[in-house]
């Protein structure tokens, strides 16, 4: 299995359960690992044969900025489902960091892994 990765994608999102979080977007940091067979793209050297990570980032950004979830769990699940459906990714690992979640901590967050046969 080959892995395409995206590290430290910053998304400014309206998210949170506390009243002070509901007034302005806040940064979330996303790390992704996506299963992809890169052999065809490597042989052809054509973007049409590759998993276009720029398109993945565009879709995630549009989706995340168009939501207003309370929980990062809900946002993470939605992002994972979007990637699997739109880009035919069979496996992914998504790490979502919320830097402002806990005072005196660099970030809090979650890691989800989704796959299908």
Protein backbone atom coordinates (compact mmCIF):
# COMPACT_ATOMS: atom_id res chain seq x y z
CA UNK A 1 0.00 0.00 0.00
CA UNK A 2 1.29 3.43 -0.93
CA UNK A 3 0.50 6.43 1.26
CA UNK A 4 -0.11 10.00 0.13
CA UNK A 5 0.17 12.39 3.07
CA UNK A 6 -0.76 15.97 3.85
CA UNK A 7 0.71 17.51 6.99
CA UNK A 8 -0.35 20.49 9.06
CA UNK A 9 -3.19 21.73 6.87
CA UNK A 10 -4.65 24.74 8.64
CA UNK A 11 -8.41 25.15 8.43
CA UNK A 12 -10.17 28.10 10.06
CA UNK A 13 -13.48 26.67 11.26
CA UNK A 14 -16.42 27.67 13.42
CA UNK A 15 -16.40 24.85 15.97
CA UNK A 16 -16.83 24.29 19.68
CA UNK A 17 -19.28 23.67 22.48
CA UNK A 18 -18.49 26.80 24.49
CA UNK A 19 -20.23 30.11 23.85
CA UNK A 20 -16.95 31.96 23.30
CA UNK A 21 -16.07 29.49 20.48
CA UNK A 22 -19.25 30.21 18.52
CA UNK A 23 -18.44 33.80 17.51
CA UNK A 24 -15.46 33.43 15.18
CA UNK A 25 -13.64 30.69 13.32
CA UNK A 26 -10.63 29.16 15.03
CA UNK A 27 -7.69 27.26 13.58
CA UNK A 28 -7.68 23.49 13.34
CA UNK A 29 -4.66 21.57 12.06
CA UNK A 30 -5.25 18.46 9.97
CA UNK A 31 -2.85 15.64 9.12
CA UNK A 32 -3.91 13.05 6.57
CA UNK A 33 -2.60 9.73 5.33
CA UNK A 34 -4.43 8.33 2.30
CA UNK A 35 -4.00 4.91 0.70
CA UNK A 36 -3.32 5.21 -3.00
CA UNK A 37 -1.72 3.05 -5.65
CA UNK A 38 0.87 5.41 -7.13
CA UNK A 39 2.22 3.00 -9.78
CA UNK A 40 -0.01 4.24 -12.60
CA UNK A 41 0.75 7.90 -11.89
CA UNK A 42 4.46 7.14 -11.58
CA UNK A 43 4.47 5.39 -14.95
CA UNK A 44 2.45 8.04 -16.82
CA UNK A 45 3.63 11.17 -14.96
CA UNK A 46 0.11 12.56 -15.41
CA UNK A 47 -1.99 14.20 -12.68
CA UNK A 48 -5.06 12.48 -14.11
CA UNK A 49 -3.61 9.16 -12.94
CA UNK A 50 -2.78 10.40 -9.44
CA UNK A 51 -4.65 11.15 -6.26
CA UNK A 52 -4.72 14.95 -6.61
CA UNK A 53 -3.93 16.15 -3.11
CA UNK A 54 -4.59 19.74 -4.15
CA UNK A 55 -8.17 18.72 -5.00
CA UNK A 56 -8.41 16.87 -1.66
CA UNK A 57 -7.33 20.02 0.20
CA UNK A 58 -9.79 22.16 -1.76
CA UNK A 59 -12.69 19.84 -0.98
CA UNK A 60 -11.78 19.60 2.71
CA UNK A 61 -11.40 23.35 3.03
CA UNK A 62 -14.75 24.04 1.39
CA UNK A 63 -16.48 21.41 3.51
CA UNK A 64 -14.93 22.42 6.84
CA UNK A 65 -15.51 26.13 6.35
CA UNK A 66 -19.13 25.46 5.42
CA UNK A 67 -19.90 23.66 8.68
CA UNK A 68 -20.49 24.76 12.27
CA UNK A 69 -20.16 21.55 14.27
CA UNK A 70 -19.92 21.56 18.04
CA UNK A 71 -17.52 18.61 18.19
CA UNK A 72 -14.30 17.88 16.31
CA UNK A 73 -15.45 14.25 16.22
CA UNK A 74 -18.33 15.26 13.93
CA UNK A 75 -16.08 17.30 11.67
CA UNK A 76 -13.50 14.49 11.45
CA UNK A 77 -16.16 11.92 10.48
CA UNK A 78 -17.56 14.25 7.84
CA UNK A 79 -14.11 14.91 6.38
CA UNK A 80 -13.30 11.19 6.28
CA UNK A 81 -16.59 10.34 4.55
CA UNK A 82 -16.07 13.13 2.00
CA UNK A 83 -12.58 11.91 1.11
CA UNK A 84 -13.64 8.28 0.81
CA UNK A 85 -16.66 9.08 -1.35
CA UNK A 86 -15.29 11.81 -3.60
CA UNK A 87 -11.78 10.46 -4.13
CA UNK A 88 -12.39 6.68 -3.88
CA UNK A 89 -9.85 6.36 -1.07
CA UNK A 90 -10.13 2.91 0.52
CA UNK A 91 -8.18 3.72 3.70
CA UNK A 92 -7.27 6.89 5.55
CA UNK A 93 -5.93 8.13 8.84
CA UNK A 94 -7.00 11.63 9.84
CA UNK A 95 -5.49 13.50 12.78
CA UNK A 96 -7.28 16.66 13.86
CA UNK A 97 -5.58 19.09 16.24
CA UNK A 98 -7.45 21.86 18.03
CA UNK A 99 -4.64 24.16 19.25
CA UNK A 100 -6.83 26.38 21.43
CA UNK A 101 -8.75 23.56 23.13
CA UNK A 102 -6.82 23.38 26.39
CA UNK A 103 -4.90 26.11 28.11
CA UNK A 104 -1.22 25.20 28.63
CA UNK A 105 -1.34 22.44 25.98
CA UNK A 106 -0.05 22.70 22.42
CA UNK A 107 -3.27 21.09 21.19
CA UNK A 108 -5.90 18.47 21.82
CA UNK A 109 -7.58 16.37 19.20
CA UNK A 110 -8.24 12.94 17.81
CA UNK A 111 -7.05 10.38 15.32
CA UNK A 112 -9.50 8.36 13.27
CA UNK A 113 -8.75 5.58 10.84
CA UNK A 114 -11.29 4.48 8.28
CA UNK A 115 -11.12 1.74 5.70
CA UNK A 116 -13.29 -0.37 3.52
CA UNK A 117 -12.67 -3.52 1.59
